[in-house]
Amino acid sequence: MIRRLGSADAAAFREIRLEALRTCPQAFGSSFEEEQRLTPADFSRRVAPEPPDAVFGAFLDDTSLVGIAGFVVGKHIKERHKGTLFGMYVSPAARGRGVGMELLQSVIEHARNVPGVEIVQLTVTVGNKAACTLYDRAGFVPYGIEPRALRLAPGDYFDEELRSLDLAAAPITSA
């Protein structure tokens, strides 16, 4: 089951978010060290942003949060036609079950229902084949590479691929 998260989900969101940052540090702009210091109130605000921004969660048994994905709309007038998918993560135990595609489709459907949003953008670490395959299946098109976008330590850099989805295009099914 996929649903929009709220303040009541803050503790579960914190747990999976820290798991994501700990196990896949090359996939996120934030670090485990930074976010483990955030307060419960910080996570409560983050998991329940002002609409149209949203955070979605995937639940395998209606109680265990196994996946997350966020969506934010540009705040400036000239950028409000763009939304950004961020923080996408599925726990290893839930991978291979279609959870990632369900989360992605929920974010895309949400974006389609936000007035004025025409494009969804994201970044993905170059070499993350599973994520790239998922985004390809959903119709996201690469449009550039940001070299050395993330630095885990001196000399330890990761490039990120920039991708976008034109919401005017026909919806992609989970084939």
N, C-alpha and C. Protein backbone atom coordinates (compact mmCIF):
# COMPACT_ATOMS: atom_id res chain seq x y z
N MET A 1 0.84 -1.18 0.00
CA MET A 1 0.00 0.00 0.00
C MET A 1 0.89 1.25 0.00
N ILE A 2 0.54 2.20 -0.84
CA ILE A 2 1.24 3.48 -0.90
C ILE A 2 0.30 4.55 -0.39
N ARG A 3 0.81 5.43 0.47
CA ARG A 3 -0.01 6.56 0.92
C ARG A 3 0.89 7.74 1.27
N ARG A 4 0.26 8.89 1.26
CA ARG A 4 0.95 10.11 1.66
C ARG A 4 1.21 10.03 3.16
N LEU A 5 2.41 10.38 3.57
CA LEU A 5 2.76 10.33 4.98
C LEU A 5 2.33 11.61 5.69
N GLY A 6 2.18 11.51 7.00
CA GLY A 6 1.83 12.65 7.84
C GLY A 6 2.66 12.65 9.11
N SER A 7 2.40 13.60 9.96
CA SER A 7 3.18 13.76 11.20
C SER A 7 3.22 12.49 12.05
N ALA A 8 2.15 11.72 12.04
CA ALA A 8 2.10 10.49 12.83
C ALA A 8 3.12 9.46 12.34
N ASP A 9 3.61 9.63 11.12
CA ASP A 9 4.58 8.70 10.54
C ASP A 9 6.03 9.14 10.77
N ALA A 10 6.24 10.22 11.52
CA ALA A 10 7.57 10.80 11.64
C ALA A 10 8.62 9.82 12.17
N ALA A 11 8.30 9.03 13.19
CA ALA A 11 9.28 8.10 13.76
C ALA A 11 9.66 7.02 12.76
N ALA A 12 8.69 6.46 12.06
CA ALA A 12 8.97 5.43 11.05
C ALA A 12 9.75 6.04 9.89
N PHE A 13 9.39 7.27 9.50
CA PHE A 13 10.11 7.95 8.43
C PHE A 13 11.57 8.17 8.83
N ARG A 14 11.78 8.63 10.05
CA ARG A 14 13.16 8.85 10.53
C ARG A 14 13.97 7.57 10.43
N GLU A 15 13.37 6.46 10.87
CA GLU A 15 14.07 5.17 10.86
C GLU A 15 14.49 4.76 9.45
N ILE A 16 13.58 4.85 8.49
CA ILE A 16 13.91 4.41 7.13
C ILE A 16 14.82 5.41 6.43
N ARG A 17 14.65 6.69 6.73
CA ARG A 17 15.51 7.71 6.14
C ARG A 17 16.95 7.52 6.61
N LEU A 18 17.14 7.28 7.90
CA LEU A 18 18.49 7.04 8.41
C LEU A 18 19.07 5.74 7.85
N GLU A 19 18.24 4.73 7.68
CA GLU A 19 18.69 3.49 7.04
C GLU A 19 19.20 3.78 5.63
N ALA A 20 18.45 4.57 4.89
CA ALA A 20 18.83 4.91 3.51
C ALA A 20 20.17 5.64 3.49
N LEU A 21 20.33 6.62 4.37
CA LEU A 21 21.57 7.40 4.40
C LEU A 21 22.76 6.57 4.86
N ARG A 22 22.52 5.63 5.75
CA ARG A 22 23.59 4.78 6.27
C ARG A 22 24.03 3.74 5.23
N THR A 23 23.05 3.14 4.54
CA THR A 23 23.38 2.04 3.63
C THR A 23 23.69 2.48 2.21
N CYS A 24 23.21 3.66 1.80
CA CYS A 24 23.43 4.15 0.43
C CYS A 24 23.89 5.61 0.45
N PRO A 25 25.01 5.90 1.10
CA PRO A 25 25.42 7.30 1.25
C PRO A 25 25.68 8.01 -0.09
N GLN A 26 26.03 7.26 -1.12
CA GLN A 26 26.31 7.84 -2.43
C GLN A 26 25.05 8.25 -3.18
N ALA A 27 23.88 7.92 -2.66
CA ALA A 27 22.63 8.18 -3.38
C ALA A 27 21.89 9.43 -2.90
N PHE A 28 22.40 10.08 -1.85
CA PHE A 28 21.66 11.19 -1.26
C PHE A 28 22.58 12.37 -0.98
N GLY A 29 22.02 13.56 -1.11
CA GLY A 29 22.79 14.77 -0.82
C GLY A 29 23.02 14.97 0.67
N SER A 30 22.12 14.50 1.51
CA SER A 30 22.27 14.58 2.96
C SER A 30 23.12 13.43 3.45
N SER A 31 23.62 13.57 4.66
CA SER A 31 24.42 12.49 5.24
C SER A 31 23.74 11.94 6.50
N PHE A 32 24.08 10.71 6.82
CA PHE A 32 23.58 10.07 8.04
C PHE A 32 23.96 10.92 9.25
N GLU A 33 25.21 11.39 9.29
CA GLU A 33 25.70 12.16 10.42
C GLU A 33 24.89 13.44 10.64
N GLU A 34 24.52 14.11 9.55
CA GLU A 34 23.71 15.32 9.66
C GLU A 34 22.31 15.02 10.16
N GLU A 35 21.69 14.04 9.55
CA GLU A 35 20.27 13.80 9.84
C GLU A 35 20.01 13.06 11.14
N GLN A 36 20.99 12.30 11.64
CA GLN A 36 20.75 11.64 12.92
C GLN A 36 20.67 12.64 14.06
N ARG A 37 21.16 13.85 13.84
CA ARG A 37 21.10 14.91 14.86
C ARG A 37 19.78 15.68 14.84
N LEU A 38 18.96 15.47 13.81
CA LEU A 38 17.69 16.18 13.73
C LEU A 38 16.74 15.70 14.82
N THR A 39 15.90 16.60 15.28
CA THR A 39 14.95 16.29 16.36
C THR A 39 13.71 15.60 15.79
N PRO A 40 12.94 14.97 16.66
CA PRO A 40 11.65 14.41 16.20
C PRO A 40 10.76 15.48 15.55
N ALA A 41 10.79 16.69 16.06
CA ALA A 41 10.01 17.78 15.46
C ALA A 41 10.48 18.09 14.05
N ASP A 42 11.80 18.02 13.83
CA ASP A 42 12.33 18.25 12.48
C ASP A 42 11.78 17.20 11.51
N PHE A 43 11.79 15.94 11.94
CA PHE A 43 11.27 14.88 11.07
C PHE A 43 9.77 15.00 10.88
N SER A 44 9.08 15.43 11.90
CA SER A 44 7.64 15.62 11.78
C SER A 44 7.32 16.69 10.73
N ARG A 45 8.05 17.78 10.73
CA ARG A 45 7.86 18.83 9.72
C ARG A 45 8.23 18.33 8.34
N ARG A 46 9.28 17.56 8.24
CA ARG A 46 9.77 17.08 6.95
C ARG A 46 8.79 16.09 6.31
N VAL A 47 8.20 15.23 7.11
CA VAL A 47 7.32 14.19 6.59
C VAL A 47 5.93 14.72 6.22
N ALA A 48 5.60 15.91 6.72
CA ALA A 48 4.28 16.49 6.44
C ALA A 48 4.43 17.92 5.93
N PRO A 49 5.02 18.08 4.74
CA PRO A 49 5.23 19.43 4.22
C PRO A 49 3.92 20.08 3.78
N GLU A 50 3.98 21.36 3.53
CA GLU A 50 2.81 22.09 3.02
C GLU A 50 2.50 21.63 1.60
N PRO A 51 1.24 21.35 1.30
CA PRO A 51 0.86 20.98 -0.07
C PRO A 51 1.20 22.12 -1.03
N PRO A 52 1.59 21.82 -2.24
CA PRO A 52 1.47 20.52 -2.90
C PRO A 52 2.64 19.58 -2.67
N ASP A 53 3.63 20.03 -1.87
CA ASP A 53 4.76 19.14 -1.57
C ASP A 53 4.23 17.95 -0.77
N ALA A 54 4.90 16.81 -0.91
CA ALA A 54 4.42 15.60 -0.25
C ALA A 54 5.54 14.59 -0.08
N VAL A 55 5.36 13.73 0.90
CA VAL A 55 6.24 12.57 1.08
C VAL A 55 5.32 11.35 1.08
N PHE A 56 5.67 10.36 0.28
CA PHE A 56 4.88 9.13 0.17
C PHE A 56 5.62 7.98 0.82
N GLY A 57 4.86 7.04 1.35
CA GLY A 57 5.44 5.87 1.96
C GLY A 57 4.82 4.61 1.41
N ALA A 58 5.64 3.57 1.34
CA ALA A 58 5.18 2.24 0.91
C ALA A 58 5.16 1.34 2.13
N PHE A 59 4.05 0.64 2.28
CA PHE A 59 3.86 -0.27 3.42
C PHE A 59 3.56 -1.66 2.88
N LEU A 60 4.32 -2.67 3.32
CA LEU A 60 4.08 -4.04 2.86
C LEU A 60 2.88 -4.66 3.56
N ASP A 61 2.77 -4.46 4.85
CA ASP A 61 1.70 -5.10 5.62
C ASP A 61 0.81 -4.06 6.30
N ASP A 62 0.73 -2.90 5.71
CA ASP A 62 -0.05 -1.77 6.23
C ASP A 62 0.52 -1.18 7.51
N THR A 63 1.62 -1.72 8.02
CA THR A 63 2.21 -1.15 9.23
C THR A 63 3.71 -0.89 9.11
N SER A 64 4.42 -1.65 8.28
CA SER A 64 5.87 -1.50 8.16
C SER A 64 6.21 -0.61 6.98
N LEU A 65 6.83 0.53 7.26
CA LEU A 65 7.25 1.45 6.21
C LEU A 65 8.51 0.90 5.56
N VAL A 66 8.41 0.55 4.26
CA VAL A 66 9.53 -0.08 3.56
C VAL A 66 10.06 0.76 2.39
N GLY A 67 9.41 1.87 2.10
CA GLY A 67 9.87 2.72 1.00
C GLY A 67 9.37 4.14 1.18
N ILE A 68 10.15 5.09 0.67
CA ILE A 68 9.79 6.50 0.76
C ILE A 68 10.17 7.23 -0.52
N ALA A 69 9.46 8.29 -0.81
CA ALA A 69 9.78 9.17 -1.94
C ALA A 69 9.12 10.51 -1.68
N GLY A 70 9.86 11.57 -1.94
CA GLY A 70 9.34 12.91 -1.73
C GLY A 70 9.12 13.65 -3.03
N PHE A 71 8.30 14.69 -2.96
CA PHE A 71 7.99 15.53 -4.12
C PHE A 71 7.89 16.97 -3.64
N VAL A 72 8.54 17.86 -4.35
CA VAL A 72 8.50 19.28 -4.03
C VAL A 72 8.35 20.07 -5.32
N VAL A 73 7.55 21.14 -5.26
CA VAL A 73 7.32 22.01 -6.41
C VAL A 73 8.20 23.24 -6.28
N GLY A 74 8.70 23.73 -7.41
CA GLY A 74 9.50 24.95 -7.41
C GLY A 74 8.78 26.07 -6.70
N LYS A 75 9.49 26.86 -5.93
CA LYS A 75 8.87 27.92 -5.13
C LYS A 75 8.80 29.26 -5.87
N HIS A 76 9.69 29.47 -6.82
CA HIS A 76 9.72 30.73 -7.56
C HIS A 76 8.75 30.67 -8.74
N ILE A 77 8.15 31.79 -9.08
CA ILE A 77 7.15 31.86 -10.15
C ILE A 77 7.66 31.18 -11.42
N LYS A 78 8.89 31.43 -11.79
CA LYS A 78 9.44 30.90 -13.03
C LYS A 78 9.78 29.41 -12.95
N GLU A 79 9.65 28.82 -11.77
CA GLU A 79 9.99 27.40 -11.59
C GLU A 79 8.81 26.56 -11.12
N ARG A 80 7.64 27.14 -11.02
CA ARG A 80 6.49 26.40 -10.50
C ARG A 80 5.93 25.37 -11.47
N HIS A 81 6.45 25.35 -12.68
CA HIS A 81 6.02 24.34 -13.65
C HIS A 81 6.80 23.04 -13.48
N LYS A 82 7.77 23.06 -12.54
CA LYS A 82 8.63 21.90 -12.32
C LYS A 82 8.44 21.36 -10.90
N GLY A 83 8.40 20.06 -10.81
CA GLY A 83 8.42 19.39 -9.52
C GLY A 83 9.66 18.51 -9.47
N THR A 84 10.11 18.21 -8.27
CA THR A 84 11.30 17.38 -8.10
C THR A 84 10.98 16.17 -7.23
N LEU A 85 11.32 15.00 -7.74
CA LEU A 85 11.27 13.76 -6.96
C LEU A 85 12.58 13.68 -6.18
N PHE A 86 12.49 13.41 -4.89
CA PHE A 86 13.72 13.34 -4.09
C PHE A 86 13.59 12.26 -3.02
N GLY A 87 14.74 11.83 -2.51
CA GLY A 87 14.76 10.93 -1.37
C GLY A 87 14.14 9.58 -1.59
N MET A 88 14.14 9.09 -2.82
CA MET A 88 13.52 7.80 -3.13
C MET A 88 14.39 6.68 -2.56
N TYR A 89 13.75 5.77 -1.82
CA TYR A 89 14.47 4.65 -1.23
C TYR A 89 13.50 3.53 -0.91
N VAL A 90 13.94 2.30 -1.18
CA VAL A 90 13.19 1.10 -0.82
C VAL A 90 14.14 0.19 -0.03
N SER A 91 13.69 -0.27 1.13
CA SER A 91 14.51 -1.16 1.96
C SER A 91 14.87 -2.42 1.18
N PRO A 92 16.08 -2.94 1.38
CA PRO A 92 16.51 -4.14 0.65
C PRO A 92 15.52 -5.30 0.73
N ALA A 93 14.90 -5.52 1.88
CA ALA A 93 13.97 -6.65 2.04
C ALA A 93 12.73 -6.50 1.18
N ALA A 94 12.42 -5.28 0.74
CA ALA A 94 11.21 -5.05 -0.06
C ALA A 94 11.50 -4.89 -1.55
N ARG A 95 12.76 -4.94 -1.92
CA ARG A 95 13.12 -4.75 -3.33
C ARG A 95 12.73 -5.98 -4.14
N GLY A 96 12.47 -5.75 -5.43
CA GLY A 96 12.09 -6.83 -6.33
C GLY A 96 10.62 -7.19 -6.25
N ARG A 97 9.83 -6.40 -5.56
CA ARG A 97 8.39 -6.67 -5.39
C ARG A 97 7.52 -5.61 -6.05
N GLY A 98 8.14 -4.69 -6.79
CA GLY A 98 7.37 -3.64 -7.45
C GLY A 98 7.10 -2.42 -6.58
N VAL A 99 7.67 -2.39 -5.39
CA VAL A 99 7.44 -1.29 -4.46
C VAL A 99 7.96 0.03 -5.03
N GLY A 100 9.15 -0.01 -5.62
CA GLY A 100 9.73 1.20 -6.19
C GLY A 100 8.86 1.79 -7.28
N MET A 101 8.34 0.95 -8.18
CA MET A 101 7.48 1.44 -9.25
C MET A 101 6.17 1.99 -8.69
N GLU A 102 5.61 1.33 -7.69
CA GLU A 102 4.37 1.84 -7.08
C GLU A 102 4.59 3.21 -6.45
N LEU A 103 5.70 3.37 -5.74
CA LEU A 103 6.02 4.66 -5.14
C LEU A 103 6.18 5.72 -6.23
N LEU A 104 6.95 5.38 -7.26
CA LEU A 104 7.21 6.30 -8.35
C LEU A 104 5.91 6.70 -9.05
N GLN A 105 5.05 5.74 -9.31
CA GLN A 105 3.77 6.05 -9.95
C GLN A 105 2.90 6.94 -9.06
N SER A 106 2.97 6.76 -7.75
CA SER A 106 2.20 7.61 -6.84
C SER A 106 2.69 9.06 -6.90
N VAL A 107 4.00 9.23 -6.93
CA VAL A 107 4.56 10.58 -7.03
C VAL A 107 4.16 11.21 -8.37
N ILE A 108 4.27 10.46 -9.45
CA ILE A 108 3.92 10.99 -10.77
C ILE A 108 2.44 11.36 -10.82
N GLU A 109 1.58 10.51 -10.29
CA GLU A 109 0.14 10.82 -10.27
C GLU A 109 -0.14 12.06 -9.44
N HIS A 110 0.52 12.17 -8.32
CA HIS A 110 0.37 13.37 -7.49
C HIS A 110 0.79 14.61 -8.29
N ALA A 111 1.93 14.53 -8.96
CA ALA A 111 2.44 15.66 -9.75
C ALA A 111 1.45 16.04 -10.85
N ARG A 112 0.86 15.05 -11.49
CA ARG A 112 -0.13 15.32 -12.55
C ARG A 112 -1.33 16.10 -12.02
N ASN A 113 -1.62 15.96 -10.74
CA ASN A 113 -2.78 16.62 -10.14
C ASN A 113 -2.45 17.97 -9.50
N VAL A 114 -1.19 18.39 -9.59
CA VAL A 114 -0.81 19.70 -9.06
C VAL A 114 -0.94 20.71 -10.19
N PRO A 115 -1.83 21.68 -10.06
CA PRO A 115 -2.02 22.66 -11.13
C PRO A 115 -0.71 23.36 -11.51
N GLY A 116 -0.47 23.39 -12.80
CA GLY A 116 0.70 24.08 -13.33
C GLY A 116 1.96 23.26 -13.46
N VAL A 117 2.04 22.10 -12.80
CA VAL A 117 3.25 21.28 -12.88
C VAL A 117 3.23 20.52 -14.20
N GLU A 118 4.30 20.70 -14.98
CA GLU A 118 4.42 20.10 -16.30
C GLU A 118 5.54 19.07 -16.39
N ILE A 119 6.51 19.18 -15.50
CA ILE A 119 7.72 18.35 -15.56
C ILE A 119 8.06 17.85 -14.16
N VAL A 120 8.52 16.60 -14.08
CA VAL A 120 9.08 16.08 -12.84
C VAL A 120 10.56 15.80 -13.12
N GLN A 121 11.41 16.32 -12.26
CA GLN A 121 12.85 16.13 -12.40
C GLN A 121 13.37 15.28 -11.24
N LEU A 122 14.53 14.68 -11.47
CA LEU A 122 15.22 13.93 -10.42
C LEU A 122 16.68 13.84 -10.77
N THR A 123 17.47 13.42 -9.79
CA THR A 123 18.87 13.08 -10.05
C THR A 123 19.08 11.66 -9.54
N VAL A 124 19.98 10.97 -10.21
CA VAL A 124 20.30 9.60 -9.82
C VAL A 124 21.81 9.43 -9.97
N THR A 125 22.42 8.74 -9.01
CA THR A 125 23.85 8.51 -9.05
C THR A 125 24.21 7.69 -10.28
N VAL A 126 25.19 8.18 -11.03
CA VAL A 126 25.65 7.44 -12.20
C VAL A 126 26.15 6.07 -11.74
N GLY A 127 25.70 5.03 -12.43
CA GLY A 127 26.09 3.67 -12.09
C GLY A 127 25.06 2.94 -11.24
N ASN A 128 24.02 3.63 -10.78
CA ASN A 128 22.96 2.97 -10.01
C ASN A 128 22.00 2.34 -11.01
N LYS A 129 22.36 1.16 -11.49
CA LYS A 129 21.62 0.50 -12.57
C LYS A 129 20.16 0.21 -12.22
N ALA A 130 19.91 -0.24 -11.00
CA ALA A 130 18.53 -0.57 -10.62
C ALA A 130 17.64 0.68 -10.66
N ALA A 131 18.13 1.78 -10.11
CA ALA A 131 17.34 3.01 -10.11
C ALA A 131 17.17 3.53 -11.54
N CYS A 132 18.23 3.49 -12.34
CA CYS A 132 18.13 3.97 -13.72
C CYS A 132 17.12 3.14 -14.51
N THR A 133 17.10 1.84 -14.31
CA THR A 133 16.14 0.97 -14.99
C THR A 133 14.71 1.35 -14.58
N LEU A 134 14.50 1.57 -13.29
CA LEU A 134 13.19 1.98 -12.80
C LEU A 134 12.76 3.30 -13.45
N TYR A 135 13.63 4.27 -13.45
CA TYR A 135 13.30 5.58 -14.02
C TYR A 135 13.10 5.49 -15.53
N ASP A 136 13.87 4.65 -16.20
CA ASP A 136 13.66 4.43 -17.64
C ASP A 136 12.24 3.89 -17.89
N ARG A 137 11.85 2.89 -17.12
CA ARG A 137 10.52 2.27 -17.28
C ARG A 137 9.39 3.27 -17.06
N ALA A 138 9.63 4.26 -16.20
CA ALA A 138 8.61 5.26 -15.91
C ALA A 138 8.62 6.41 -16.92
N GLY A 139 9.60 6.41 -17.83
CA GLY A 139 9.63 7.43 -18.87
C GLY A 139 10.55 8.62 -18.61
N PHE A 140 11.35 8.58 -17.55
CA PHE A 140 12.28 9.67 -17.28
C PHE A 140 13.43 9.63 -18.30
N VAL A 141 13.77 10.79 -18.83
CA VAL A 141 14.78 10.92 -19.87
C VAL A 141 16.00 11.66 -19.32
N PRO A 142 17.20 11.10 -19.53
CA PRO A 142 18.40 11.81 -19.09
C PRO A 142 18.61 13.08 -19.92
N TYR A 143 19.07 14.15 -19.26
CA TYR A 143 19.37 15.37 -19.99
C TYR A 143 20.71 15.99 -19.59
N GLY A 144 21.45 15.32 -18.75
CA GLY A 144 22.77 15.84 -18.40
C GLY A 144 23.41 15.07 -17.27
N ILE A 145 24.67 15.38 -17.06
CA ILE A 145 25.44 14.78 -15.97
C ILE A 145 26.07 15.93 -15.19
N GLU A 146 25.95 15.84 -13.87
CA GLU A 146 26.66 16.79 -13.01
C GLU A 146 27.88 16.05 -12.46
N PRO A 147 29.06 16.39 -12.97
CA PRO A 147 30.27 15.73 -12.48
C PRO A 147 30.53 16.08 -11.01
N ARG A 148 31.01 15.09 -10.26
CA ARG A 148 31.37 15.29 -8.86
C ARG A 148 30.26 15.98 -8.07
N ALA A 149 29.04 15.55 -8.29
CA ALA A 149 27.88 16.16 -7.63
C ALA A 149 27.89 15.92 -6.12
N LEU A 150 28.36 14.76 -5.72
CA LEU A 150 28.40 14.40 -4.31
C LEU A 150 29.83 14.03 -3.92
N ARG A 151 30.23 14.45 -2.73
CA ARG A 151 31.55 14.10 -2.22
C ARG A 151 31.39 13.45 -0.86
N LEU A 152 31.74 12.17 -0.79
CA LEU A 152 31.65 11.46 0.47
C LEU A 152 32.87 11.74 1.35
N ALA A 153 34.00 11.91 0.70
CA ALA A 153 35.26 12.21 1.40
C ALA A 153 36.21 12.80 0.35
N PRO A 154 37.29 13.42 0.78
CA PRO A 154 38.23 13.95 -0.22
C PRO A 154 38.63 12.87 -1.22
N GLY A 155 38.42 13.17 -2.50
CA GLY A 155 38.76 12.23 -3.57
C GLY A 155 37.70 11.18 -3.85
N ASP A 156 36.63 11.15 -3.08
CA ASP A 156 35.57 10.14 -3.23
C ASP A 156 34.30 10.83 -3.73
N TYR A 157 34.23 11.00 -5.05
CA TYR A 157 33.14 11.74 -5.69
C TYR A 157 32.19 10.82 -6.45
N PHE A 158 30.94 11.28 -6.60
CA PHE A 158 29.96 10.59 -7.41
C PHE A 158 29.29 11.59 -8.34
N ASP A 159 29.20 11.20 -9.61
CA ASP A 159 28.48 12.01 -10.58
C ASP A 159 27.00 11.70 -10.47
N GLU A 160 26.17 12.69 -10.83
CA GLU A 160 24.74 12.45 -10.85
C GLU A 160 24.19 12.74 -12.25
N GLU A 161 23.28 11.85 -12.66
CA GLU A 161 22.57 12.03 -13.92
C GLU A 161 21.29 12.80 -13.63
N LEU A 162 21.03 13.83 -14.44
CA LEU A 162 19.81 14.61 -14.32
C LEU A 162 18.79 14.03 -15.28
N ARG A 163 17.56 13.86 -14.80
CA ARG A 163 16.50 13.26 -15.62
C ARG A 163 15.21 14.05 -15.45
N SER A 164 14.36 13.96 -16.48
CA SER A 164 13.05 14.62 -16.39
C SER A 164 11.99 13.77 -17.06
N LEU A 165 10.76 14.03 -16.64
CA LEU A 165 9.59 13.38 -17.20
C LEU A 165 8.61 14.47 -17.59
N ASP A 166 8.23 14.51 -18.86
CA ASP A 166 7.23 15.45 -19.36
C ASP A 166 5.87 14.87 -19.03
N LEU A 167 5.12 15.54 -18.16
CA LEU A 167 3.84 15.01 -17.72
C LEU A 167 2.77 15.04 -18.81
N ALA A 168 3.04 15.78 -19.90
CA ALA A 168 2.09 15.79 -21.02
C ALA A 168 2.19 14.51 -21.85
N ALA A 169 3.30 13.78 -21.65
CA ALA A 169 3.48 12.51 -22.37
C ALA A 169 2.49 11.48 -21.82
N ALA A 170 2.20 10.47 -22.62
CA ALA A 170 1.27 9.40 -22.20
C ALA A 170 1.81 8.72 -20.95
N PRO A 171 0.93 8.37 -20.01
CA PRO A 171 1.38 7.66 -18.79
C PRO A 171 2.04 6.33 -19.17
N ILE A 172 3.07 5.99 -18.42
CA ILE A 172 3.77 4.73 -18.60
C ILE A 172 3.22 3.73 -17.60
N THR A 173 2.96 2.52 -18.03
CA THR A 173 2.47 1.49 -17.13
C THR A 173 3.65 0.73 -16.54
N SER A 174 3.40 -0.10 -15.58
CA SER A 174 4.48 -0.81 -14.89
C SER A 174 4.88 -2.09 -15.61
N ALA A 175 4.80 -2.13 -16.91
CA ALA A 175 5.12 -3.32 -17.70
C ALA A 175 6.45 -3.91 -17.37
